[in-house]
Amino acid sequence: MGPNFKFGELYSLLNGKDGELLRLDLPNRKIFIDNPESDPNADEAFEVLKVSKSPLTIKLSAASGPENLIQEHHKDGAKLWFASPPVPKTGSDEWIVEHEGSDIYSNFFKLKNVYSGTFLDISHADDETAVGKKINHHSTQYWQFIHVQDEDNQDAGTAHTLKRKKHMRNKLRNHQDTFRKDKAEYLKEKRTEAAQEQYNSCDNQPAYTGPNICGNPMCGVDHICAADYNRIVRPMGYPGVPGI
């Protein structure tokens, strides 16, 4: 199941790692993730065009011009590009939308390029450049679609006025803040669960029942004497209690 797209309208793509947005700097031919305030000249709105219903396949077109997001290379980690249709390689500007659908990412999706078979991802070299990578189930391959079409401007190809862009970016920042807060809480809960499982695992280990050097049957149950402590830890390379 894919997003309930309004095809021909504008969306922004929020990345699952840190909540940054997929952005396009057409003059410098740069596709990357970032926060809107860091580069006000780049654009974070893309027109979503329908290719097919099953599997759900779309094109992502630059809001500021008739160019589509493409992946022309099968190589893992190859950079993405934008090109005006018709694109040179069939399917290179088509993306299959696959539902991630788990935990904090229940409303996130993976985007698989029809031509290359790689997924929209972020380069691990700089944590910024948009690339195509083989499936790895990292959060950098998860994307949330945020509808940003202006209610008073239904022409998806019309350039945003400064006022509209400011309103859109305020909306996106709210989405970013909400996602980052939710993810921080989710990770905190996961760490707490892991710590509890570790504690339970250690707490339920059976008491040592082998022969005790000291001869006390409770040694290893409610305490351990220095001699038996050394017997256990010294084979592991620890010095133990000196003089024993």
Foldseek 3Di string as FASTA:
>chain_A
DADPDPAQAKKWKFFQPQRWTFWADVVVFATKTDACVVPVNIDRIWGWHFDDVVQTKTWTADLQDQWTWFDDDLDAFAAIGIDHPPDPDPQRRMWGWAQPCDDLQNQWTWTAGPVNRFTFFADPVVRITTGTHHDDPDRRRIIHIGGLGDPVDSNSNDDDDPVSVVVSSVVSVVVSVVSNVVVVVVVVVVVVVVVVVVVVVVVPDDFDQDDAPVRDRCARPPHHDQVVQCVPCVVVPDPGDPPD
